[in-house]
Every structure is written in C-alpha cells, then in structure tokens.
Amino acid sequence: MSKIPLTERGAELLRTELAKLKSEDRPRVIAAIAEAREHGDLKENAEYHAAREQQGFIEGRIQDIESKLGNAQIIDVRTLPKNGKIVFGTTVDLVDIDSDEELSYRIVGEDEADVKAGLIAFSTPIARGLLGRVEGDEVSVDVPGGTRTFEVLAVRYE
C-alpha cells in the first residue's frame, strides 16, 4: 500500500478518534450486545441486531484508522523550506480573478478535508492546480462548475 500523506494535525485527529473508539465506543457496544442477549430470542431482537451492526461499524473504522496511521507519511509543513512554493500542508491565500473573492485554503489529506473550514484535500482539482505554484502566479483550474482562475496572493507555512 502506498503512503498516505497527513498533516501533524490530521494524524493527531485520527489518533484521538482511534483512542475514543477503543476505550469508549467498543466497550459500550459490547455491553449493549451482552444486555440484548439477556432479552432472549436473538432472531427477533432489534436491539441485538442494531448493536451488532454498530459493532461492525466501529471495528471497521478501527481497522481503517490503524491502516491509515500505519501507512501515514506525516508532513510537518513548519519544517519544510519556506521558499514560497505551494506544497502539501501549506495555507494559500487566493483571489478569484473573475469575482474578486478572496479565499484561503490549507492543502491537507483526505481525512482532514473540510471545505467550509478552508481545508481542501490534496486530490481536489483546485489543490492539484495549486501544488508547485508560487506567490504571484495565476492558476486556471477546471472544476465541476467550469474553469476558475485564481491569483496566488500568499503562501504560508503554518
């Protein structure tokens, strides 16, 4: 399996979720299964089936997170050379040439992405178009709604 890029923050969020799943969610669902078993006939016991389904989800998510962390390439952007080039983990201030709208995005891993919070995955069209660019560059990006043109105002390594 190939390496999965994560920021320091993204790796910490995954570790926190994993700890919660193992220490809180897993024991809670095991107790719910045990309680549902005490109610008798398992074929018609909706509580039992719901708890087993939840257990399957929790175990699947634990495996997913452990796999991602095991194959993670954690990138701390603060240790990278600050040469003004847009790379994974940098925060980019842009202006949309057509609308004069100013935007700020941080390029992150898939699990960290949250467009409303300004976190875009490195695999998105905008991030792919920005990677390798520098301050002052104009970038045209094909997005689902058409082509957008941005000017890179600043690149921050934070």
N, C-alpha and C. Protein backbone atom coordinates (compact mmCIF):
# COMPACT_ATOMS: atom_id res chain seq x y z
N MET A 1 0.85 -1.18 0.00
CA MET A 1 0.00 0.00 0.00
C MET A 1 0.89 1.24 0.00
N SER A 2 0.49 2.25 -0.70
CA SER A 2 1.29 3.47 -0.79
C SER A 2 1.10 4.32 0.46
N LYS A 3 2.02 5.23 0.65
CA LYS A 3 1.98 6.13 1.81
C LYS A 3 0.80 7.09 1.68
N ILE A 4 0.18 7.39 2.80
CA ILE A 4 -0.95 8.31 2.86
C ILE A 4 -0.45 9.60 3.52
N PRO A 5 -0.45 10.72 2.78
CA PRO A 5 0.03 11.95 3.39
C PRO A 5 -0.97 12.51 4.41
N LEU A 6 -0.43 12.90 5.56
CA LEU A 6 -1.23 13.50 6.61
C LEU A 6 -0.45 14.67 7.20
N THR A 7 -1.17 15.68 7.62
CA THR A 7 -0.51 16.74 8.37
C THR A 7 -0.39 16.26 9.81
N GLU A 8 0.40 16.94 10.59
CA GLU A 8 0.56 16.63 12.01
C GLU A 8 -0.81 16.66 12.69
N ARG A 9 -1.59 17.68 12.38
CA ARG A 9 -2.93 17.84 12.97
C ARG A 9 -3.84 16.68 12.56
N GLY A 10 -3.80 16.29 11.30
CA GLY A 10 -4.64 15.20 10.82
C GLY A 10 -4.31 13.88 11.49
N ALA A 11 -3.03 13.61 11.68
CA ALA A 11 -2.61 12.38 12.36
C ALA A 11 -3.09 12.38 13.81
N GLU A 12 -3.00 13.53 14.45
CA GLU A 12 -3.44 13.63 15.84
C GLU A 12 -4.95 13.43 15.95
N LEU A 13 -5.72 13.97 15.00
CA LEU A 13 -7.17 13.76 15.00
C LEU A 13 -7.51 12.28 14.84
N LEU A 14 -6.79 11.58 13.97
CA LEU A 14 -7.02 10.15 13.79
C LEU A 14 -6.66 9.37 15.05
N ARG A 15 -5.55 9.73 15.69
CA ARG A 15 -5.15 9.05 16.94
C ARG A 15 -6.20 9.25 18.03
N THR A 16 -6.73 10.46 18.12
CA THR A 16 -7.76 10.76 19.11
C THR A 16 -9.02 9.95 18.85
N GLU A 17 -9.45 9.90 17.59
CA GLU A 17 -10.64 9.12 17.24
C GLU A 17 -10.42 7.64 17.54
N LEU A 18 -9.23 7.13 17.22
CA LEU A 18 -8.93 5.72 17.48
C LEU A 18 -8.99 5.41 18.97
N ALA A 19 -8.42 6.28 19.78
CA ALA A 19 -8.44 6.07 21.23
C ALA A 19 -9.87 6.06 21.76
N LYS A 20 -10.71 6.97 21.26
CA LYS A 20 -12.10 7.02 21.69
C LYS A 20 -12.85 5.75 21.27
N LEU A 21 -12.63 5.32 20.03
CA LEU A 21 -13.30 4.11 19.56
C LEU A 21 -12.93 2.90 20.42
N LYS A 22 -11.65 2.79 20.77
CA LYS A 22 -11.19 1.63 21.53
C LYS A 22 -11.56 1.70 23.01
N SER A 23 -11.50 2.90 23.60
CA SER A 23 -11.70 2.99 25.04
C SER A 23 -13.14 3.29 25.46
N GLU A 24 -13.93 3.89 24.57
CA GLU A 24 -15.31 4.24 24.94
C GLU A 24 -16.34 3.49 24.10
N ASP A 25 -16.25 3.63 22.77
CA ASP A 25 -17.30 3.10 21.90
C ASP A 25 -17.34 1.57 21.88
N ARG A 26 -16.17 0.94 21.76
CA ARG A 26 -16.13 -0.52 21.71
C ARG A 26 -16.69 -1.14 22.99
N PRO A 27 -16.23 -0.73 24.20
CA PRO A 27 -16.80 -1.32 25.41
C PRO A 27 -18.31 -1.07 25.56
N ARG A 28 -18.77 0.12 25.13
CA ARG A 28 -20.18 0.44 25.24
C ARG A 28 -21.02 -0.50 24.37
N VAL A 29 -20.58 -0.76 23.14
CA VAL A 29 -21.36 -1.62 22.25
C VAL A 29 -21.28 -3.09 22.69
N ILE A 30 -20.16 -3.50 23.26
CA ILE A 30 -20.05 -4.87 23.79
C ILE A 30 -21.04 -5.06 24.94
N ALA A 31 -21.14 -4.05 25.79
CA ALA A 31 -22.10 -4.12 26.90
C ALA A 31 -23.54 -4.15 26.37
N ALA A 32 -23.81 -3.38 25.31
CA ALA A 32 -25.16 -3.35 24.72
C ALA A 32 -25.51 -4.71 24.12
N ILE A 33 -24.54 -5.37 23.50
CA ILE A 33 -24.77 -6.71 22.93
C ILE A 33 -25.07 -7.71 24.04
N ALA A 34 -24.29 -7.64 25.10
CA ALA A 34 -24.50 -8.56 26.23
C ALA A 34 -25.88 -8.35 26.84
N GLU A 35 -26.28 -7.10 26.99
CA GLU A 35 -27.60 -6.80 27.56
C GLU A 35 -28.71 -7.29 26.64
N ALA A 36 -28.54 -7.09 25.34
CA ALA A 36 -29.57 -7.53 24.38
C ALA A 36 -29.68 -9.05 24.35
N ARG A 37 -28.56 -9.75 24.55
CA ARG A 37 -28.60 -11.23 24.58
C ARG A 37 -29.43 -11.73 25.74
N GLU A 38 -29.42 -11.00 26.83
CA GLU A 38 -30.17 -11.41 28.02
C GLU A 38 -31.67 -11.34 27.78
N HIS A 39 -32.10 -10.61 26.76
CA HIS A 39 -33.52 -10.46 26.49
C HIS A 39 -34.10 -11.65 25.75
N GLY A 40 -33.29 -12.65 25.44
CA GLY A 40 -33.83 -13.87 24.86
C GLY A 40 -33.58 -14.03 23.38
N ASP A 41 -34.61 -14.44 22.65
CA ASP A 41 -34.56 -14.80 21.24
C ASP A 41 -33.86 -13.73 20.40
N LEU A 42 -32.71 -14.10 19.82
CA LEU A 42 -31.90 -13.14 19.08
C LEU A 42 -32.44 -12.87 17.67
N LYS A 43 -33.24 -13.80 17.14
CA LYS A 43 -33.75 -13.63 15.78
C LYS A 43 -34.65 -12.41 15.66
N GLU A 44 -35.43 -12.14 16.68
CA GLU A 44 -36.39 -11.04 16.63
C GLU A 44 -36.00 -9.91 17.58
N ASN A 45 -34.74 -9.84 17.96
CA ASN A 45 -34.28 -8.85 18.92
C ASN A 45 -33.62 -7.69 18.17
N ALA A 46 -34.38 -6.64 17.96
CA ALA A 46 -33.89 -5.49 17.19
C ALA A 46 -32.71 -4.81 17.88
N GLU A 47 -32.74 -4.76 19.21
CA GLU A 47 -31.64 -4.13 19.95
C GLU A 47 -30.33 -4.88 19.70
N TYR A 48 -30.41 -6.20 19.67
CA TYR A 48 -29.22 -7.01 19.43
C TYR A 48 -28.66 -6.75 18.04
N HIS A 49 -29.55 -6.76 17.04
CA HIS A 49 -29.11 -6.55 15.66
C HIS A 49 -28.53 -5.14 15.45
N ALA A 50 -29.13 -4.15 16.10
CA ALA A 50 -28.62 -2.78 16.00
C ALA A 50 -27.24 -2.68 16.65
N ALA A 51 -27.08 -3.32 17.80
CA ALA A 51 -25.78 -3.29 18.49
C ALA A 51 -24.72 -4.02 17.69
N ARG A 52 -25.06 -5.15 17.08
CA ARG A 52 -24.10 -5.89 16.25
C ARG A 52 -23.70 -5.07 15.03
N GLU A 53 -24.67 -4.36 14.43
CA GLU A 53 -24.37 -3.52 13.28
C GLU A 53 -23.43 -2.38 13.69
N GLN A 54 -23.70 -1.79 14.84
CA GLN A 54 -22.83 -0.73 15.34
C GLN A 54 -21.43 -1.27 15.65
N GLN A 55 -21.36 -2.47 16.18
CA GLN A 55 -20.06 -3.08 16.46
C GLN A 55 -19.28 -3.28 15.17
N GLY A 56 -19.95 -3.71 14.12
CA GLY A 56 -19.28 -3.89 12.82
C GLY A 56 -18.74 -2.58 12.29
N PHE A 57 -19.51 -1.50 12.45
CA PHE A 57 -19.05 -0.18 12.01
C PHE A 57 -17.82 0.25 12.81
N ILE A 58 -17.88 0.09 14.12
CA ILE A 58 -16.76 0.50 14.99
C ILE A 58 -15.50 -0.29 14.66
N GLU A 59 -15.63 -1.60 14.52
CA GLU A 59 -14.45 -2.42 14.22
C GLU A 59 -13.88 -2.07 12.84
N GLY A 60 -14.75 -1.81 11.88
CA GLY A 60 -14.29 -1.41 10.55
C GLY A 60 -13.54 -0.08 10.58
N ARG A 61 -14.07 0.87 11.36
CA ARG A 61 -13.42 2.18 11.46
C ARG A 61 -12.08 2.06 12.19
N ILE A 62 -12.01 1.21 13.20
CA ILE A 62 -10.73 0.99 13.90
C ILE A 62 -9.69 0.45 12.92
N GLN A 63 -10.07 -0.54 12.13
CA GLN A 63 -9.14 -1.11 11.15
C GLN A 63 -8.72 -0.07 10.13
N ASP A 64 -9.66 0.76 9.67
CA ASP A 64 -9.38 1.80 8.69
C ASP A 64 -8.37 2.81 9.25
N ILE A 65 -8.60 3.28 10.46
CA ILE A 65 -7.70 4.26 11.06
C ILE A 65 -6.32 3.66 11.31
N GLU A 66 -6.28 2.43 11.84
CA GLU A 66 -4.99 1.78 12.09
C GLU A 66 -4.21 1.61 10.80
N SER A 67 -4.89 1.27 9.72
CA SER A 67 -4.23 1.12 8.43
C SER A 67 -3.69 2.46 7.94
N LYS A 68 -4.50 3.51 8.06
CA LYS A 68 -4.06 4.83 7.61
C LYS A 68 -2.86 5.32 8.42
N LEU A 69 -2.92 5.15 9.73
CA LEU A 69 -1.80 5.59 10.56
C LEU A 69 -0.55 4.74 10.31
N GLY A 70 -0.75 3.46 10.03
CA GLY A 70 0.38 2.58 9.74
C GLY A 70 1.06 2.91 8.42
N ASN A 71 0.30 3.46 7.48
CA ASN A 71 0.84 3.82 6.17
C ASN A 71 0.99 5.33 5.99
N ALA A 72 0.91 6.06 7.09
CA ALA A 72 0.94 7.52 7.00
C ALA A 72 2.34 8.07 6.77
N GLN A 73 2.38 9.10 5.99
CA GLN A 73 3.59 9.90 5.84
C GLN A 73 3.20 11.26 6.43
N ILE A 74 3.62 11.47 7.68
CA ILE A 74 3.23 12.69 8.38
C ILE A 74 4.16 13.82 7.97
N ILE A 75 3.55 14.88 7.48
CA ILE A 75 4.30 16.01 6.96
C ILE A 75 4.05 17.22 7.86
N ASP A 76 5.11 17.72 8.46
CA ASP A 76 5.03 18.94 9.28
C ASP A 76 5.52 20.09 8.41
N VAL A 77 4.60 20.89 7.93
CA VAL A 77 4.92 21.95 6.98
C VAL A 77 5.87 22.99 7.59
N ARG A 78 5.88 23.09 8.91
CA ARG A 78 6.75 24.07 9.56
C ARG A 78 8.23 23.73 9.41
N THR A 79 8.53 22.47 9.10
CA THR A 79 9.93 22.06 8.93
C THR A 79 10.40 22.12 7.48
N LEU A 80 9.50 22.42 6.56
CA LEU A 80 9.85 22.48 5.14
C LEU A 80 10.52 23.82 4.82
N PRO A 81 11.33 23.84 3.77
CA PRO A 81 11.94 25.13 3.37
C PRO A 81 10.86 26.12 2.95
N LYS A 82 10.94 27.32 3.47
CA LYS A 82 9.94 28.35 3.19
C LYS A 82 10.36 29.13 1.95
N ASN A 83 10.17 28.49 0.80
CA ASN A 83 10.60 29.08 -0.47
C ASN A 83 9.44 29.68 -1.26
N GLY A 84 8.26 29.76 -0.66
CA GLY A 84 7.12 30.36 -1.34
C GLY A 84 6.37 29.42 -2.26
N LYS A 85 6.81 28.17 -2.34
CA LYS A 85 6.16 27.19 -3.22
C LYS A 85 5.01 26.51 -2.48
N ILE A 86 3.91 26.32 -3.18
CA ILE A 86 2.75 25.65 -2.60
C ILE A 86 3.00 24.14 -2.58
N VAL A 87 2.97 23.57 -1.37
CA VAL A 87 3.15 22.14 -1.18
C VAL A 87 2.08 21.64 -0.21
N PHE A 88 2.03 20.34 -0.03
CA PHE A 88 1.10 19.73 0.90
C PHE A 88 1.28 20.36 2.28
N GLY A 89 0.18 20.80 2.88
CA GLY A 89 0.21 21.36 4.22
C GLY A 89 0.26 22.88 4.28
N THR A 90 0.60 23.53 3.17
CA THR A 90 0.68 24.99 3.20
C THR A 90 -0.73 25.60 3.16
N THR A 91 -0.80 26.82 3.65
CA THR A 91 -2.03 27.60 3.58
C THR A 91 -1.83 28.61 2.45
N VAL A 92 -2.81 28.72 1.58
CA VAL A 92 -2.69 29.54 0.38
C VAL A 92 -3.79 30.59 0.39
N ASP A 93 -3.40 31.86 0.24
CA ASP A 93 -4.37 32.94 0.09
C ASP A 93 -4.49 33.23 -1.40
N LEU A 94 -5.74 33.25 -1.87
CA LEU A 94 -6.01 33.41 -3.30
C LEU A 94 -7.03 34.51 -3.52
N VAL A 95 -7.07 35.00 -4.74
CA VAL A 95 -8.17 35.85 -5.17
C VAL A 95 -8.71 35.25 -6.46
N ASP A 96 -10.03 35.10 -6.51
CA ASP A 96 -10.68 34.61 -7.72
C ASP A 96 -10.72 35.79 -8.69
N ILE A 97 -10.03 35.67 -9.80
CA ILE A 97 -9.89 36.76 -10.77
C ILE A 97 -11.25 37.23 -11.29
N ASP A 98 -12.18 36.30 -11.50
CA ASP A 98 -13.48 36.65 -12.08
C ASP A 98 -14.40 37.37 -11.09
N SER A 99 -14.38 36.97 -9.82
CA SER A 99 -15.33 37.53 -8.86
C SER A 99 -14.68 38.45 -7.83
N ASP A 100 -13.35 38.55 -7.82
CA ASP A 100 -12.60 39.33 -6.82
C ASP A 100 -12.79 38.79 -5.39
N GLU A 101 -13.28 37.58 -5.27
CA GLU A 101 -13.47 36.96 -3.97
C GLU A 101 -12.12 36.46 -3.45
N GLU A 102 -11.80 36.81 -2.20
CA GLU A 102 -10.55 36.32 -1.60
C GLU A 102 -10.84 35.04 -0.85
N LEU A 103 -9.99 34.06 -1.03
CA LEU A 103 -10.14 32.74 -0.44
C LEU A 103 -8.86 32.35 0.27
N SER A 104 -8.99 31.47 1.24
CA SER A 104 -7.82 30.93 1.91
C SER A 104 -8.05 29.44 2.11
N TYR A 105 -7.12 28.64 1.60
CA TYR A 105 -7.23 27.18 1.72
C TYR A 105 -5.95 26.61 2.29
N ARG A 106 -6.11 25.55 3.07
CA ARG A 106 -4.96 24.78 3.51
C ARG A 106 -5.07 23.43 2.83
N ILE A 107 -3.99 22.98 2.21
CA ILE A 107 -4.00 21.72 1.47
C ILE A 107 -3.64 20.60 2.44
N VAL A 108 -4.57 19.66 2.62
CA VAL A 108 -4.45 18.62 3.63
C VAL A 108 -4.76 17.24 3.05
N GLY A 109 -4.71 16.23 3.89
CA GLY A 109 -5.05 14.86 3.50
C GLY A 109 -6.55 14.66 3.37
N GLU A 110 -6.91 13.54 2.78
CA GLU A 110 -8.32 13.23 2.51
C GLU A 110 -9.17 13.26 3.78
N ASP A 111 -8.68 12.69 4.87
CA ASP A 111 -9.47 12.60 6.10
C ASP A 111 -9.64 13.93 6.81
N GLU A 112 -8.80 14.88 6.52
CA GLU A 112 -8.85 16.18 7.18
C GLU A 112 -9.71 17.19 6.45
N ALA A 113 -10.00 16.93 5.20
CA ALA A 113 -10.66 17.92 4.34
C ALA A 113 -12.00 18.37 4.91
N ASP A 114 -12.20 19.69 4.89
CA ASP A 114 -13.45 20.32 5.30
C ASP A 114 -13.49 21.67 4.61
N VAL A 115 -14.14 21.73 3.46
CA VAL A 115 -14.13 22.93 2.63
C VAL A 115 -14.65 24.14 3.40
N LYS A 116 -15.68 23.94 4.21
CA LYS A 116 -16.24 25.07 4.97
C LYS A 116 -15.22 25.66 5.94
N ALA A 117 -14.28 24.84 6.41
CA ALA A 117 -13.24 25.31 7.32
C ALA A 117 -11.98 25.74 6.55
N GLY A 118 -12.04 25.69 5.22
CA GLY A 118 -10.89 26.10 4.41
C GLY A 118 -9.83 25.03 4.27
N LEU A 119 -10.20 23.78 4.53
CA LEU A 119 -9.27 22.65 4.40
C LEU A 119 -9.65 21.84 3.17
N ILE A 120 -8.79 21.84 2.15
CA ILE A 120 -9.11 21.09 0.93
C ILE A 120 -8.12 19.94 0.76
N ALA A 121 -8.63 18.81 0.30
CA ALA A 121 -7.80 17.63 0.08
C ALA A 121 -6.84 17.87 -1.08
N PHE A 122 -5.65 17.32 -0.96
CA PHE A 122 -4.63 17.48 -1.99
C PHE A 122 -5.05 16.91 -3.34
N SER A 123 -6.06 16.05 -3.34
CA SER A 123 -6.51 15.41 -4.58
C SER A 123 -7.60 16.20 -5.31
N THR A 124 -8.08 17.29 -4.72
CA THR A 124 -9.14 18.08 -5.37
C THR A 124 -8.56 18.84 -6.57
N PRO A 125 -9.41 19.18 -7.52
CA PRO A 125 -8.90 19.91 -8.70
C PRO A 125 -8.18 21.21 -8.34
N ILE A 126 -8.72 21.96 -7.38
CA ILE A 126 -8.09 23.23 -7.01
C ILE A 126 -6.72 22.98 -6.41
N ALA A 127 -6.62 22.02 -5.47
CA ALA A 127 -5.32 21.74 -4.84
C ALA A 127 -4.32 21.23 -5.87
N ARG A 128 -4.74 20.34 -6.75
CA ARG A 128 -3.82 19.83 -7.78
C ARG A 128 -3.31 20.95 -8.67
N GLY A 129 -4.18 21.92 -8.96
CA GLY A 129 -3.78 23.05 -9.78
C GLY A 129 -2.83 23.99 -9.07
N LEU A 130 -2.94 24.04 -7.74
CA LEU A 130 -2.11 24.96 -6.96
C LEU A 130 -0.74 24.40 -6.61
N LEU A 131 -0.64 23.09 -6.42
CA LEU A 131 0.62 22.49 -5.99
C LEU A 131 1.76 22.85 -6.94
N GLY A 132 2.86 23.31 -6.36
CA GLY A 132 4.04 23.67 -7.15
C GLY A 132 4.07 25.12 -7.59
N ARG A 133 2.97 25.84 -7.42
CA ARG A 133 2.91 27.25 -7.81
C ARG A 133 3.53 28.12 -6.72
N VAL A 134 3.75 29.40 -7.03
CA VAL A 134 4.34 30.35 -6.08
C VAL A 134 3.51 31.63 -6.04
N GLU A 135 3.81 32.48 -5.08
CA GLU A 135 3.12 33.76 -4.95
C GLU A 135 3.20 34.53 -6.26
N GLY A 136 2.06 35.13 -6.64
CA GLY A 136 2.01 35.92 -7.87
C GLY A 136 1.56 35.14 -9.08
N ASP A 137 1.59 33.82 -9.02
CA ASP A 137 1.15 33.00 -10.17
C ASP A 137 -0.35 33.11 -10.37
N GLU A 138 -0.76 33.05 -11.64
CA GLU A 138 -2.17 32.89 -11.99
C GLU A 138 -2.39 31.43 -12.33
N VAL A 139 -3.47 30.88 -11.81
CA VAL A 139 -3.75 29.46 -11.97
C VAL A 139 -5.17 29.30 -12.50
N SER A 140 -5.32 28.61 -13.62
CA SER A 140 -6.65 28.26 -14.14
C SER A 140 -6.91 26.82 -13.77
N VAL A 141 -8.06 26.59 -13.16
CA VAL A 141 -8.40 25.26 -12.67
C VAL A 141 -9.76 24.85 -13.22
N ASP A 142 -9.82 23.65 -13.79
CA ASP A 142 -11.10 23.10 -14.24
C ASP A 142 -11.78 22.46 -13.06
N VAL A 143 -12.93 23.00 -12.69
CA VAL A 143 -13.72 22.47 -11.59
C VAL A 143 -15.07 22.05 -12.15
N PRO A 144 -15.87 21.29 -11.39
CA PRO A 144 -17.16 20.84 -11.93
C PRO A 144 -18.04 21.97 -12.47
N GLY A 145 -17.92 23.18 -11.93
CA GLY A 145 -18.75 24.29 -12.40
C GLY A 145 -18.15 25.06 -13.56
N GLY A 146 -17.02 24.62 -14.09
CA GLY A 146 -16.36 25.33 -15.18
C GLY A 146 -14.91 25.61 -14.83
N THR A 147 -14.32 26.59 -15.49
CA THR A 147 -12.93 26.94 -15.23
C THR A 147 -12.88 28.18 -14.35
N ARG A 148 -12.08 28.10 -13.29
CA ARG A 148 -11.88 29.25 -12.41
C ARG A 148 -10.42 29.66 -12.47
N THR A 149 -10.18 30.96 -12.43
CA THR A 149 -8.83 31.47 -12.47
C THR A 149 -8.54 32.20 -11.16
N PHE A 150 -7.42 31.82 -10.55
CA PHE A 150 -7.02 32.39 -9.27
C PHE A 150 -5.65 33.05 -9.40
N GLU A 151 -5.41 34.04 -8.56
CA GLU A 151 -4.06 34.58 -8.39
C GLU A 151 -3.62 34.23 -6.98
N VAL A 152 -2.41 33.70 -6.86
CA VAL A 152 -1.87 33.32 -5.56
C VAL A 152 -1.35 34.59 -4.88
N LEU A 153 -1.97 34.96 -3.76
CA LEU A 153 -1.56 36.17 -3.04
C LEU A 153 -0.46 35.87 -2.04
N ALA A 154 -0.57 34.75 -1.33
CA ALA A 154 0.43 34.42 -0.30
C ALA A 154 0.44 32.92 -0.06
N VAL A 155 1.59 32.43 0.36
CA VAL A 155 1.77 31.03 0.74
C VAL A 155 2.33 31.05 2.16
N ARG A 156 1.61 30.39 3.07
CA ARG A 156 2.03 30.38 4.48
C ARG A 156 2.36 28.96 4.93
N TYR A 157 3.44 28.84 5.68
CA TYR A 157 3.90 27.56 6.22
C TYR A 157 3.60 27.56 7.72
N GLU A 158 2.37 27.27 8.09
CA GLU A 158 1.99 27.32 9.49
C GLU A 158 1.38 26.03 9.97
